[in-house]
Amino acid sequence: MVSIKNQKLEAYILLESLVAFGMLITIIAIILHQISSQRQLTNEVLHRQEVLNVAQMAVQIQEDELSLNGVRVRVERRKDAIVVFSDGQEIVRVSEN
């Protein structure tokens, strides 16, 4: 027969192991969430950079519209400013003062 002390000890070790495992899973979930957030932020920054690169090319080659790498920009040249739009939003405005 197994004594009650040994059963309590084994149950305590099992409970402690489950708590440690739960903490490990929580830490891993937090780390994976942060990695995912950083990747999403990096993708957004790279997209903004690509929009600015295409806008710069459009201005340099004096095109009113330019589409490259899935990015489409529209350039409006006004008498006192150049305005660049992408997806209906103003990206860059350069004006003379």
PDB file of N, CA and C in Angstrom:
ATOM      1  N   MET A   1       0.809  -1.186   0.000  1.00  0.00           N
ATOM      2  CA  MET A   1       0.000   0.000   0.000  1.00  0.00           C
ATOM      3  C   MET A   1       0.863   1.265   0.000  1.00  0.00           C
ATOM      4  N   VAL A   2       0.387   2.293  -0.698  1.00  0.00           N
ATOM      5  CA  VAL A   2       1.103   3.561  -0.772  1.00  0.00           C
ATOM      6  C   VAL A   2       0.604   4.441   0.360  1.00  0.00           C
ATOM      7  N   SER A   3       1.534   5.034   1.042  1.00  0.00           N
ATOM      8  CA  SER A   3       1.130   5.875   2.169  1.00  0.00           C
ATOM      9  C   SER A   3       0.529   7.190   1.681  1.00  0.00           C
ATOM     10  N   ILE A   4      -0.277   7.789   2.526  1.00  0.00           N
ATOM     11  CA  ILE A   4      -0.955   9.045   2.189  1.00  0.00           C
ATOM     12  C   ILE A   4       0.061  10.164   2.005  1.00  0.00           C
ATOM     13  N   LYS A   5       1.164  10.141   2.753  1.00  0.00           N
ATOM     14  CA  LYS A   5       2.190  11.181   2.612  1.00  0.00           C
ATOM     15  C   LYS A   5       2.761  11.168   1.197  1.00  0.00           C
ATOM     16  N   ASN A   6       3.045   9.996   0.657  1.00  0.00           N
ATOM     17  CA  ASN A   6       3.597   9.909  -0.698  1.00  0.00           C
ATOM     18  C   ASN A   6       2.592  10.405  -1.728  1.00  0.00           C
ATOM     19  N   GLN A   7       1.313  10.100  -1.543  1.00  0.00           N
ATOM     20  CA  GLN A   7       0.285  10.564  -2.474  1.00  0.00           C
ATOM     21  C   GLN A   7       0.171  12.084  -2.434  1.00  0.00           C
ATOM     22  N   LYS A   8       0.223  12.670  -1.238  1.00  0.00           N
ATOM     23  CA  LYS A   8       0.148  14.128  -1.118  1.00  0.00           C
ATOM     24  C   LYS A   8       1.366  14.776  -1.774  1.00  0.00           C
ATOM     25  N   LEU A   9       2.529  14.177  -1.582  1.00  0.00           N
ATOM     26  CA  LEU A   9       3.753  14.711  -2.172  1.00  0.00           C
ATOM     27  C   LEU A   9       3.678  14.649  -3.694  1.00  0.00           C
ATOM     28  N   GLU A  10       3.228  13.529  -4.234  1.00  0.00           N
ATOM     29  CA  GLU A  10       3.104  13.397  -5.685  1.00  0.00           C
ATOM     30  C   GLU A  10       2.071  14.378  -6.237  1.00  0.00           C
ATOM     31  N   ALA A  11       0.963  14.558  -5.522  1.00  0.00           N
ATOM     32  CA  ALA A  11      -0.061  15.508  -5.955  1.00  0.00           C
ATOM     33  C   ALA A  11       0.488  16.935  -5.924  1.00  0.00           C
ATOM     34  N   TYR A  12       1.277  17.272  -4.917  1.00  0.00           N
ATOM     35  CA  TYR A  12       1.861  18.600  -4.815  1.00  0.00           C
ATOM     36  C   TYR A  12       2.844  18.828  -5.960  1.00  0.00           C
ATOM     37  N   ILE A  13       3.661  17.824  -6.262  1.00  0.00           N
ATOM     38  CA  ILE A  13       4.625  17.941  -7.370  1.00  0.00           C
ATOM     39  C   ILE A  13       3.882  18.112  -8.694  1.00  0.00           C
ATOM     40  N   LEU A  14       2.799  17.350  -8.877  1.00  0.00           N
ATOM     41  CA  LEU A  14       2.001  17.470 -10.097  1.00  0.00           C
ATOM     42  C   LEU A  14       1.378  18.865 -10.202  1.00  0.00           C
ATOM     43  N   LEU A  15       0.826  19.370  -9.118  1.00  0.00           N
ATOM     44  CA  LEU A  15       0.228  20.707  -9.116  1.00  0.00           C
ATOM     45  C   LEU A  15       1.277  21.772  -9.421  1.00  0.00           C
ATOM     46  N   GLU A  16       2.438  21.639  -8.804  1.00  0.00           N
ATOM     47  CA  GLU A  16       3.519  22.590  -9.043  1.00  0.00           C
ATOM     48  C   GLU A  16       3.953  22.547 -10.506  1.00  0.00           C
ATOM     49  N   SER A  17       4.020  21.364 -11.076  1.00  0.00           N
ATOM     50  CA  SER A  17       4.397  21.220 -12.485  1.00  0.00           C
ATOM     51  C   SER A  17       3.363  21.867 -13.395  1.00  0.00           C
ATOM     52  N   LEU A  18       2.087  21.686 -13.083  1.00  0.00           N
ATOM     53  CA  LEU A  18       1.034  22.294 -13.894  1.00  0.00           C
ATOM     54  C   LEU A  18       1.076  23.816 -13.817  1.00  0.00           C
ATOM     55  N   VAL A  19       1.339  24.360 -12.643  1.00  0.00           N
ATOM     56  CA  VAL A  19       1.451  25.817 -12.491  1.00  0.00           C
ATOM     57  C   VAL A  19       2.644  26.335 -13.295  1.00  0.00           C
ATOM     58  N   ALA A  20       3.777  25.649 -13.215  1.00  0.00           N
ATOM     59  CA  ALA A  20       4.965  26.061 -13.972  1.00  0.00           C
ATOM     60  C   ALA A  20       4.696  25.981 -15.474  1.00  0.00           C
ATOM     61  N   PHE A  21       4.010  24.922 -15.903  1.00  0.00           N
ATOM     62  CA  PHE A  21       3.674  24.767 -17.318  1.00  0.00           C
ATOM     63  C   PHE A  21       2.744  25.895 -17.775  1.00  0.00           C
ATOM     64  N   GLY A  22       1.774  26.244 -16.956  1.00  0.00           N
ATOM     65  CA  GLY A  22       0.861  27.345 -17.278  1.00  0.00           C
ATOM     66  C   GLY A  22       1.596  28.667 -17.400  1.00  0.00           C
ATOM     67  N   MET A  23       2.551  28.909 -16.507  1.00  0.00           N
ATOM     68  CA  MET A  23       3.339  30.144 -16.572  1.00  0.00           C
ATOM     69  C   MET A  23       4.186  30.168 -17.841  1.00  0.00           C
ATOM     70  N   LEU A  24       4.762  29.029 -18.201  1.00  0.00           N
ATOM     71  CA  LEU A  24       5.571  28.940 -19.416  1.00  0.00           C
ATOM     72  C   LEU A  24       4.719  29.231 -20.649  1.00  0.00           C
ATOM     73  N   ILE A  25       3.532  28.655 -20.700  1.00  0.00           N
ATOM     74  CA  ILE A  25       2.629  28.900 -21.825  1.00  0.00           C
ATOM     75  C   ILE A  25       2.254  30.379 -21.903  1.00  0.00           C
ATOM     76  N   THR A  26       1.997  31.013 -20.764  1.00  0.00           N
ATOM     77  CA  THR A  26       1.649  32.436 -20.738  1.00  0.00           C
ATOM     78  C   THR A  26       2.801  33.288 -21.262  1.00  0.00           C
ATOM     79  N   ILE A  27       4.006  32.991 -20.825  1.00  0.00           N
ATOM     80  CA  ILE A  27       5.183  33.746 -21.283  1.00  0.00           C
ATOM     81  C   ILE A  27       5.378  33.573 -22.779  1.00  0.00           C
ATOM     82  N   ILE A  28       5.235  32.351 -23.276  1.00  0.00           N
ATOM     83  CA  ILE A  28       5.393  32.095 -24.706  1.00  0.00           C
ATOM     84  C   ILE A  28       4.324  32.835 -25.502  1.00  0.00           C
ATOM     85  N   ALA A  29       3.089  32.838 -25.010  1.00  0.00           N
ATOM     86  CA  ALA A  29       2.007  33.547 -25.706  1.00  0.00           C
ATOM     87  C   ALA A  29       2.296  35.043 -25.782  1.00  0.00           C
ATOM     88  N   ILE A  30       2.813  35.619 -24.703  1.00  0.00           N
ATOM     89  CA  ILE A  30       3.148  37.051 -24.695  1.00  0.00           C
ATOM     90  C   ILE A  30       4.258  37.343 -25.699  1.00  0.00           C
ATOM     91  N   ILE A  31       5.277  36.506 -25.724  1.00  0.00           N
ATOM     92  CA  ILE A  31       6.393  36.703 -26.660  1.00  0.00           C
ATOM     93  C   ILE A  31       5.913  36.598 -28.102  1.00  0.00           C
ATOM     94  N   LEU A  32       5.100  35.591 -28.404  1.00  0.00           N
ATOM     95  CA  LEU A  32       4.591  35.430 -29.767  1.00  0.00           C
ATOM     96  C   LEU A  32       3.706  36.605 -30.180  1.00  0.00           C
ATOM     97  N   HIS A  33       2.924  37.126 -29.247  1.00  0.00           N
ATOM     98  CA  HIS A  33       2.088  38.293 -29.547  1.00  0.00           C
ATOM     99  C   HIS A  33       2.963  39.505 -29.870  1.00  0.00           C
ATOM    100  N   GLN A  34       4.033  39.701 -29.112  1.00  0.00           N
ATOM    101  CA  GLN A  34       4.929  40.827 -29.369  1.00  0.00           C
ATOM    102  C   GLN A  34       5.629  40.680 -30.718  1.00  0.00           C
ATOM    103  N   ILE A  35       6.038  39.463 -31.055  1.00  0.00           N
ATOM    104  CA  ILE A  35       6.673  39.225 -32.356  1.00  0.00           C
ATOM    105  C   ILE A  35       5.696  39.551 -33.474  1.00  0.00           C
ATOM    106  N   SER A  36       4.458  39.112 -33.331  1.00  0.00           N
ATOM    107  CA  SER A  36       3.430  39.387 -34.341  1.00  0.00           C
ATOM    108  C   SER A  36       3.184  40.887 -34.473  1.00  0.00           C
ATOM    109  N   SER A  37       3.115  41.589 -33.357  1.00  0.00           N
ATOM    110  CA  SER A  37       2.903  43.043 -33.384  1.00  0.00           C
ATOM    111  C   SER A  37       4.061  43.752 -34.071  1.00  0.00           C
ATOM    112  N   GLN A  38       5.283  43.325 -33.773  1.00  0.00           N
ATOM    113  CA  GLN A  38       6.455  43.943 -34.391  1.00  0.00           C
ATOM    114  C   GLN A  38       6.487  43.692 -35.893  1.00  0.00           C
ATOM    115  N   ARG A  39       6.116  42.495 -36.319  1.00  0.00           N
ATOM    116  CA  ARG A  39       6.075  42.205 -37.758  1.00  0.00           C
ATOM    117  C   ARG A  39       5.043  43.078 -38.455  1.00  0.00           C
ATOM    118  N   GLN A  40       3.890  43.248 -37.838  1.00  0.00           N
ATOM    119  CA  GLN A  40       2.850  44.087 -38.425  1.00  0.00           C
ATOM    120  C   GLN A  40       3.330  45.533 -38.521  1.00  0.00           C
ATOM    121  N   LEU A  41       3.972  46.023 -37.479  1.00  0.00           N
ATOM    122  CA  LEU A  41       4.506  47.382 -37.492  1.00  0.00           C
ATOM    123  C   LEU A  41       5.577  47.533 -38.572  1.00  0.00           C
ATOM    124  N   THR A  42       6.444  46.537 -38.696  1.00  0.00           N
ATOM    125  CA  THR A  42       7.489  46.563 -39.717  1.00  0.00           C
ATOM    126  C   THR A  42       6.879  46.596 -41.112  1.00  0.00           C
ATOM    127  N   ASN A  43       5.842  45.797 -41.342  1.00  0.00           N
ATOM    128  CA  ASN A  43       5.175  45.796 -42.644  1.00  0.00           C
ATOM    129  C   ASN A  43       4.554  47.151 -42.953  1.00  0.00           C
ATOM    130  N   GLU A  44       3.957  47.798 -41.961  1.00  0.00           N
ATOM    131  CA  GLU A  44       3.371  49.125 -42.168  1.00  0.00           C
ATOM    132  C   GLU A  44       4.450  50.149 -42.515  1.00  0.00           C
ATOM    133  N   VAL A  45       5.571  50.090 -41.819  1.00  0.00           N
ATOM    134  CA  VAL A  45       6.669  51.026 -42.084  1.00  0.00           C
ATOM    135  C   VAL A  45       7.237  50.795 -43.482  1.00  0.00           C
ATOM    136  N   LEU A  46       7.402  49.529 -43.872  1.00  0.00           N
ATOM    137  CA  LEU A  46       7.916  49.226 -45.209  1.00  0.00           C
ATOM    138  C   LEU A  46       6.950  49.705 -46.294  1.00  0.00           C
ATOM    139  N   HIS A  47       5.647  49.584 -46.038  1.00  0.00           N
ATOM    140  CA  HIS A  47       4.666  50.065 -47.017  1.00  0.00           C
ATOM    141  C   HIS A  47       4.749  51.586 -47.146  1.00  0.00           C
ATOM    142  N   ARG A  48       4.848  52.287 -46.023  1.00  0.00           N
ATOM    143  CA  ARG A  48       4.983  53.751 -46.072  1.00  0.00           C
ATOM    144  C   ARG A  48       6.245  54.155 -46.830  1.00  0.00           C
ATOM    145  N   GLN A  49       7.323  53.428 -46.590  1.00  0.00           N
ATOM    146  CA  GLN A  49       8.575  53.717 -47.283  1.00  0.00           C
ATOM    147  C   GLN A  49       8.412  53.489 -48.786  1.00  0.00           C
ATOM    148  N   GLU A  50       7.720  52.421 -49.162  1.00  0.00           N
ATOM    149  CA  GLU A  50       7.494  52.143 -50.579  1.00  0.00           C
ATOM    150  C   GLU A  50       6.641  53.236 -51.221  1.00  0.00           C
ATOM    151  N   VAL A  51       5.635  53.719 -50.498  1.00  0.00           N
ATOM    152  CA  VAL A  51       4.805  54.818 -51.012  1.00  0.00           C
ATOM    153  C   VAL A  51       5.664  56.057 -51.243  1.00  0.00           C
ATOM    154  N   LEU A  52       6.530  56.374 -50.303  1.00  0.00           N
ATOM    155  CA  LEU A  52       7.396  57.552 -50.467  1.00  0.00           C
ATOM    156  C   LEU A  52       8.376  57.370 -51.623  1.00  0.00           C
ATOM    157  N   ASN A  53       8.895  56.164 -51.804  1.00  0.00           N
ATOM    158  CA  ASN A  53       9.802  55.901 -52.927  1.00  0.00           C
ATOM    159  C   ASN A  53       9.088  56.091 -54.265  1.00  0.00           C
ATOM    160  N   VAL A  54       7.879  55.551 -54.378  1.00  0.00           N
ATOM    161  CA  VAL A  54       7.116  55.698 -55.621  1.00  0.00           C
ATOM    162  C   VAL A  54       6.749  57.163 -55.837  1.00  0.00           C
ATOM    163  N   ALA A  55       6.401  57.870 -54.775  1.00  0.00           N
ATOM    164  CA  ALA A  55       6.086  59.298 -54.893  1.00  0.00           C
ATOM    165  C   ALA A  55       7.298  60.079 -55.388  1.00  0.00           C
ATOM    166  N   GLN A  56       8.451  59.771 -54.852  1.00  0.00           N
ATOM    167  CA  GLN A  56       9.670  60.453 -55.285  1.00  0.00           C
ATOM    168  C   GLN A  56       9.942  60.179 -56.764  1.00  0.00           C
ATOM    169  N   MET A  57       9.763  58.934 -57.181  1.00  0.00           N
ATOM    170  CA  MET A  57       9.966  58.602 -58.594  1.00  0.00           C
ATOM    171  C   MET A  57       8.988  59.359 -59.481  1.00  0.00           C
ATOM    172  N   ALA A  58       7.726  59.425 -59.063  1.00  0.00           N
ATOM    173  CA  ALA A  58       6.713  60.118 -59.862  1.00  0.00           C
ATOM    174  C   ALA A  58       7.053  61.593 -60.020  1.00  0.00           C
ATOM    175  N   VAL A  59       7.513  62.218 -58.967  1.00  0.00           N
ATOM    176  CA  VAL A  59       7.883  63.634 -59.036  1.00  0.00           C
ATOM    177  C   VAL A  59       9.113  63.814 -59.918  1.00  0.00           C
ATOM    178  N   GLN A  60      10.091  62.927 -59.783  1.00  0.00           N
ATOM    179  CA  GLN A  60      11.323  63.065 -60.558  1.00  0.00           C
ATOM    180  C   GLN A  60      11.096  62.882 -62.058  1.00  0.00           C
ATOM    181  N   ILE A  61      10.231  61.948 -62.429  1.00  0.00           N
ATOM    182  CA  ILE A  61      10.002  61.727 -63.862  1.00  0.00           C
ATOM    183  C   ILE A  61       8.801  62.520 -64.380  1.00  0.00           C
ATOM    184  N   GLN A  62       8.259  63.377 -63.534  1.00  0.00           N
ATOM    185  CA  GLN A  62       7.176  64.303 -63.865  1.00  0.00           C
ATOM    186  C   GLN A  62       5.938  63.582 -64.398  1.00  0.00           C
ATOM    187  N   GLU A  63       5.564  62.507 -63.717  1.00  0.00           N
ATOM    188  CA  GLU A  63       4.328  61.778 -64.034  1.00  0.00           C
ATOM    189  C   GLU A  63       3.225  62.247 -63.097  1.00  0.00           C
ATOM    190  N   ASP A  64       1.990  62.291 -63.609  1.00  0.00           N
ATOM    191  CA  ASP A  64       0.857  62.649 -62.757  1.00  0.00           C
ATOM    192  C   ASP A  64       0.373  61.453 -61.945  1.00  0.00           C
ATOM    193  N   GLU A  65       0.526  60.255 -62.490  1.00  0.00           N
ATOM    194  CA  GLU A  65       0.160  59.029 -61.781  1.00  0.00           C
ATOM    195  C   GLU A  65       1.230  57.987 -62.040  1.00  0.00           C
ATOM    196  N   LEU A  66       1.527  57.221 -60.997  1.00  0.00           N
ATOM    197  CA  LEU A  66       2.521  56.160 -61.134  1.00  0.00           C
ATOM    198  C   LEU A  66       2.118  55.005 -60.233  1.00  0.00           C
ATOM    199  N   SER A  67       2.238  53.805 -60.779  1.00  0.00           N
ATOM    200  CA  SER A  67       1.887  52.610 -60.018  1.00  0.00           C
ATOM    201  C   SER A  67       3.034  51.614 -60.133  1.00  0.00           C
ATOM    202  N   LEU A  68       3.612  51.261 -58.990  1.00  0.00           N
ATOM    203  CA  LEU A  68       4.716  50.297 -58.936  1.00  0.00           C
ATOM    204  C   LEU A  68       4.577  49.444 -57.687  1.00  0.00           C
ATOM    205  N   ASN A  69       4.883  48.169 -57.804  1.00  0.00           N
ATOM    206  CA  ASN A  69       4.907  47.250 -56.656  1.00  0.00           C
ATOM    207  C   ASN A  69       3.622  47.295 -55.829  1.00  0.00           C
ATOM    208  N   GLY A  70       2.497  47.459 -56.504  1.00  0.00           N
ATOM    209  CA  GLY A  70       1.226  47.488 -55.787  1.00  0.00           C
ATOM    210  C   GLY A  70       0.924  48.808 -55.106  1.00  0.00           C
ATOM    211  N   VAL A  71       1.752  49.804 -55.340  1.00  0.00           N
ATOM    212  CA  VAL A  71       1.555  51.133 -54.748  1.00  0.00           C
ATOM    213  C   VAL A  71       1.202  52.098 -55.871  1.00  0.00           C
ATOM    214  N   ARG A  72       0.140  52.839 -55.676  1.00  0.00           N
ATOM    215  CA  ARG A  72      -0.308  53.808 -56.685  1.00  0.00           C
ATOM    216  C   ARG A  72      -0.303  55.199 -56.063  1.00  0.00           C
ATOM    217  N   VAL A  73       0.363  56.131 -56.739  1.00  0.00           N
ATOM    218  CA  VAL A  73       0.401  57.512 -56.258  1.00  0.00           C
ATOM    219  C   VAL A  73      -0.090  58.446 -57.359  1.00  0.00           C
ATOM    220  N   ARG A  74      -0.626  59.563 -56.925  1.00  0.00           N
ATOM    221  CA  ARG A  74      -1.102  60.608 -57.834  1.00  0.00           C
ATOM    222  C   ARG A  74      -0.446  61.915 -57.404  1.00  0.00           C
ATOM    223  N   VAL A  75       0.099  62.627 -58.381  1.00  0.00           N
ATOM    224  CA  VAL A  75       0.805  63.882 -58.103  1.00  0.00           C
ATOM    225  C   VAL A  75      -0.008  65.035 -58.682  1.00  0.00           C
ATOM    226  N   GLU A  76      -0.287  66.023 -57.852  1.00  0.00           N
ATOM    227  CA  GLU A  76      -0.947  67.255 -58.306  1.00  0.00           C
ATOM    228  C   GLU A  76       0.070  68.384 -58.232  1.00  0.00           C
ATOM    229  N   ARG A  77       0.282  69.007 -59.378  1.00  0.00           N
ATOM    230  CA  ARG A  77       1.187  70.151 -59.423  1.00  0.00           C
ATOM    231  C   ARG A  77       0.338  71.420 -59.465  1.00  0.00           C
ATOM    232  N   ARG A  78       0.512  72.231 -58.463  1.00  0.00           N
ATOM    233  CA  ARG A  78      -0.218  73.496 -58.388  1.00  0.00           C
ATOM    234  C   ARG A  78       0.780  74.628 -58.582  1.00  0.00           C
ATOM    235  N   LYS A  79       0.265  75.828 -58.685  1.00  0.00           N
ATOM    236  CA  LYS A  79       1.173  76.943 -58.971  1.00  0.00           C
ATOM    237  C   LYS A  79       2.164  77.181 -57.831  1.00  0.00           C
ATOM    238  N   ASP A  80       1.776  76.877 -56.598  1.00  0.00           N
ATOM    239  CA  ASP A  80       2.675  77.129 -55.475  1.00  0.00           C
ATOM    240  C   ASP A  80       3.040  75.873 -54.685  1.00  0.00           C
ATOM    241  N   ALA A  81       2.604  74.691 -55.164  1.00  0.00           N
ATOM    242  CA  ALA A  81       2.882  73.482 -54.375  1.00  0.00           C
ATOM    243  C   ALA A  81       2.794  72.227 -55.239  1.00  0.00           C
ATOM    244  N   ILE A  82       3.398  71.190 -54.736  1.00  0.00           N
ATOM    245  CA  ILE A  82       3.259  69.843 -55.297  1.00  0.00           C
ATOM    246  C   ILE A  82       2.676  68.982 -54.187  1.00  0.00           C
ATOM    247  N   VAL A  83       1.574  68.297 -54.499  1.00  0.00           N
ATOM    248  CA  VAL A  83       0.898  67.464 -53.507  1.00  0.00           C
ATOM    249  C   VAL A  83       0.847  66.041 -54.042  1.00  0.00           C
ATOM    250  N   VAL A  84       1.216  65.084 -53.189  1.00  0.00           N
ATOM    251  CA  VAL A  84       1.224  63.673 -53.580  1.00  0.00           C
ATOM    252  C   VAL A  84       0.168  62.939 -52.764  1.00  0.00           C
ATOM    253  N   PHE A  85      -0.659  62.156 -53.471  1.00  0.00           N
ATOM    254  CA  PHE A  85      -1.724  61.379 -52.837  1.00  0.00           C
ATOM    255  C   PHE A  85      -1.497  59.891 -53.084  1.00  0.00           C
ATOM    256  N   SER A  86      -1.894  59.079 -52.125  1.00  0.00           N
ATOM    257  CA  SER A  86      -1.906  57.625 -52.280  1.00  0.00           C
ATOM    258  C   SER A  86      -3.132  57.096 -51.549  1.00  0.00           C
ATOM    259  N   ASP A  87      -3.923  56.299 -52.226  1.00  0.00           N
ATOM    260  CA  ASP A  87      -5.164  55.749 -51.663  1.00  0.00           C
ATOM    261  C   ASP A  87      -6.088  56.855 -51.161  1.00  0.00           C
ATOM    262  N   GLY A  88      -6.114  57.981 -51.866  1.00  0.00           N
ATOM    263  CA  GLY A  88      -7.001  59.073 -51.495  1.00  0.00           C
ATOM    264  C   GLY A  88      -6.515  59.927 -50.342  1.00  0.00           C
ATOM    265  N   GLN A  89      -5.367  59.610 -49.783  1.00  0.00           N
ATOM    266  CA  GLN A  89      -4.832  60.386 -48.663  1.00  0.00           C
ATOM    267  C   GLN A  89      -3.624  61.193 -49.118  1.00  0.00           C
ATOM    268  N   GLU A  90      -3.535  62.398 -48.584  1.00  0.00           N
ATOM    269  CA  GLU A  90      -2.379  63.234 -48.885  1.00  0.00           C
ATOM    270  C   GLU A  90      -1.164  62.674 -48.159  1.00  0.00           C
ATOM    271  N   ILE A  91      -0.113  62.426 -48.919  1.00  0.00           N
ATOM    272  CA  ILE A  91       1.107  61.851 -48.349  1.00  0.00           C
ATOM    273  C   ILE A  91       2.148  62.942 -48.114  1.00  0.00           C
ATOM    274  N   VAL A  92       2.383  63.744 -49.148  1.00  0.00           N
ATOM    275  CA  VAL A  92       3.423  64.774 -49.062  1.00  0.00           C
ATOM    276  C   VAL A  92       2.893  66.045 -49.712  1.00  0.00           C
ATOM    277  N   ARG A  93       3.216  67.172 -49.091  1.00  0.00           N
ATOM    278  CA  ARG A  93       2.902  68.484 -49.671  1.00  0.00           C
ATOM    279  C   ARG A  93       4.171  69.320 -49.577  1.00  0.00           C
ATOM    280  N   VAL A  94       4.617  69.789 -50.736  1.00  0.00           N
ATOM    281  CA  VAL A  94       5.790  70.660 -50.787  1.00  0.00           C
ATOM    282  C   VAL A  94       5.324  71.974 -51.385  1.00  0.00           C
ATOM    283  N   SER A  95       5.533  73.064 -50.631  1.00  0.00           N
ATOM    284  CA  SER A  95       5.058  74.361 -51.120  1.00  0.00           C
ATOM    285  C   SER A  95       6.158  75.401 -51.025  1.00  0.00           C
ATOM    286  N   GLU A  96       6.004  76.424 -51.852  1.00  0.00           N
ATOM    287  CA  GLU A  96       6.930  77.553 -51.822  1.00  0.00           C
ATOM    288  C   GLU A  96       6.351  78.615 -50.911  1.00  0.00           C
ATOM    289  N   ASN A  97       7.176  79.144 -50.067  1.00  0.00           N
ATOM    290  CA  ASN A  97       6.736  80.232 -49.185  1.00  0.00           C
ATOM    291  C   ASN A  97       7.645  81.407 -49.328  1.00  0.00           C
TER     292      ASN A  97
END
